[in-house]
Amino acid sequence: MDEATSSLDNNTEKEFMKSIDKVKNNSTLIIIAHRLSTVKNCDVLYLISNGEIKDKGKYEDIIKRNNLQ
């Protein structure tokens, strides 16, 4: 999914991601997103900047290590 939520308002994005959470147990999903809220419930995140992987891990850890909000 390439930024499937980029044009959605916050409430619609939340509902969309709830649907994704219901099916993710049976699938491997690769989600590319600019909004951090979109990937908050993902199992593993990769932080990419300028074409390089800068960090990998859980949402909370990446936020702390990279001073993101």
C-alpha atoms as a PDB file:
ATOM      1  CA  MET A   1       0.000   0.000   0.000  1.00  0.00           C
ATOM      2  CA  ASP A   2       1.598   3.233  -1.059  1.00  0.00           C
ATOM      3  CA  GLU A   3       0.291   6.025   1.105  1.00  0.00           C
ATOM      4  CA  ALA A   4      -3.262   4.795   0.894  1.00  0.00           C
ATOM      5  CA  THR A   5      -4.333   7.299   3.537  1.00  0.00           C
ATOM      6  CA  SER A   6      -2.603  10.459   2.281  1.00  0.00           C
ATOM      7  CA  SER A   7      -5.787  12.134   1.081  1.00  0.00           C
ATOM      8  CA  LEU A   8      -8.042  10.997   3.934  1.00  0.00           C
ATOM      9  CA  ASP A   9      -9.146  13.119   6.863  1.00  0.00           C
ATOM     10  CA  ASN A  10      -8.032  11.929  10.309  1.00  0.00           C
ATOM     11  CA  ASN A  11     -11.293  10.158  11.210  1.00  0.00           C
ATOM     12  CA  THR A  12     -11.500   8.292   7.920  1.00  0.00           C
ATOM     13  CA  GLU A  13      -7.827   7.305   8.228  1.00  0.00           C
ATOM     14  CA  LYS A  14      -8.485   5.854  11.688  1.00  0.00           C
ATOM     15  CA  GLU A  15     -11.407   3.786  10.392  1.00  0.00           C
ATOM     16  CA  PHE A  16      -9.366   2.594   7.416  1.00  0.00           C
ATOM     17  CA  MET A  17      -6.479   1.508   9.647  1.00  0.00           C
ATOM     18  CA  LYS A  18      -8.901  -0.338  11.961  1.00  0.00           C
ATOM     19  CA  SER A  19      -9.948  -2.386   8.939  1.00  0.00           C
ATOM     20  CA  ILE A  20      -6.306  -3.054   8.073  1.00  0.00           C
ATOM     21  CA  ASP A  21      -5.625  -4.173  11.658  1.00  0.00           C
ATOM     22  CA  LYS A  22      -8.409  -6.757  11.379  1.00  0.00           C
ATOM     23  CA  VAL A  23      -6.836  -8.487   8.366  1.00  0.00           C
ATOM     24  CA  LYS A  24      -3.131  -8.056   9.073  1.00  0.00           C
ATOM     25  CA  ASN A  25      -2.941 -11.231  11.174  1.00  0.00           C
ATOM     26  CA  ASN A  26      -3.441 -13.280   8.025  1.00  0.00           C
ATOM     27  CA  SER A  27      -1.201 -11.255   5.738  1.00  0.00           C
ATOM     28  CA  THR A  28       2.082  -9.478   5.331  1.00  0.00           C
ATOM     29  CA  LEU A  29       1.465  -5.847   4.458  1.00  0.00           C
ATOM     30  CA  ILE A  30       4.002  -3.304   3.307  1.00  0.00           C
ATOM     31  CA  ILE A  31       2.750   0.198   3.950  1.00  0.00           C
ATOM     32  CA  ILE A  32       4.585   3.282   2.731  1.00  0.00           C
ATOM     33  CA  ALA A  33       3.451   6.384   4.585  1.00  0.00           C
ATOM     34  CA  HIS A  34       4.460   9.905   5.428  1.00  0.00           C
ATOM     35  CA  ARG A  35       2.094  10.276   8.381  1.00  0.00           C
ATOM     36  CA  LEU A  36       3.407   8.557  11.495  1.00  0.00           C
ATOM     37  CA  SER A  37      -0.135   7.901  12.699  1.00  0.00           C
ATOM     38  CA  THR A  38      -0.648   5.619   9.709  1.00  0.00           C
ATOM     39  CA  VAL A  39       2.045   3.156  10.794  1.00  0.00           C
ATOM     40  CA  LYS A  40       1.620   3.336  14.560  1.00  0.00           C
ATOM     41  CA  ASN A  41       0.228  -0.217  14.852  1.00  0.00           C
ATOM     42  CA  CYS A  42       2.672  -1.890  12.478  1.00  0.00           C
ATOM     43  CA  ASP A  43       4.863  -4.670  13.869  1.00  0.00           C
ATOM     44  CA  VAL A  44       8.123  -3.385  12.366  1.00  0.00           C
ATOM     45  CA  LEU A  45       8.912   0.044  10.954  1.00  0.00           C
ATOM     46  CA  TYR A  46      11.755   1.144   8.718  1.00  0.00           C
ATOM     47  CA  LEU A  47      12.631   4.832   8.796  1.00  0.00           C
ATOM     48  CA  ILE A  48      13.923   5.807   5.355  1.00  0.00           C
ATOM     49  CA  SER A  49      15.507   9.154   4.531  1.00  0.00           C
ATOM     50  CA  ASN A  50      17.251  10.143   1.313  1.00  0.00           C
ATOM     51  CA  GLY A  51      16.937   6.586   0.016  1.00  0.00           C
ATOM     52  CA  GLU A  52      18.685   5.008   3.027  1.00  0.00           C
ATOM     53  CA  ILE A  53      17.307   2.974   5.913  1.00  0.00           C
ATOM     54  CA  LYS A  54      18.059   5.114   8.963  1.00  0.00           C
ATOM     55  CA  ASP A  55      16.368   3.016  11.652  1.00  0.00           C
ATOM     56  CA  LYS A  56      14.300  -0.128  12.201  1.00  0.00           C
ATOM     57  CA  GLY A  57      12.075  -1.167  15.080  1.00  0.00           C
ATOM     58  CA  LYS A  58       8.845  -0.555  16.928  1.00  0.00           C
ATOM     59  CA  TYR A  59       6.953   2.725  16.550  1.00  0.00           C
ATOM     60  CA  GLU A  60       7.708   4.025  20.058  1.00  0.00           C
ATOM     61  CA  ASP A  61      11.423   3.209  19.796  1.00  0.00           C
ATOM     62  CA  ILE A  62      11.857   4.898  16.431  1.00  0.00           C
ATOM     63  CA  ILE A  63      10.010   7.987  17.667  1.00  0.00           C
ATOM     64  CA  LYS A  64      12.278   8.272  20.712  1.00  0.00           C
ATOM     65  CA  ARG A  65      15.565   7.527  18.951  1.00  0.00           C
ATOM     66  CA  ASN A  66      14.879   9.975  16.127  1.00  0.00           C
ATOM     67  CA  ASN A  67      13.102  12.762  18.046  1.00  0.00           C
ATOM     68  CA  LEU A  68       9.968  12.436  15.913  1.00  0.00           C
ATOM     69  CA  GLN A  69       6.399  13.318  16.837  1.00  0.00           C
END
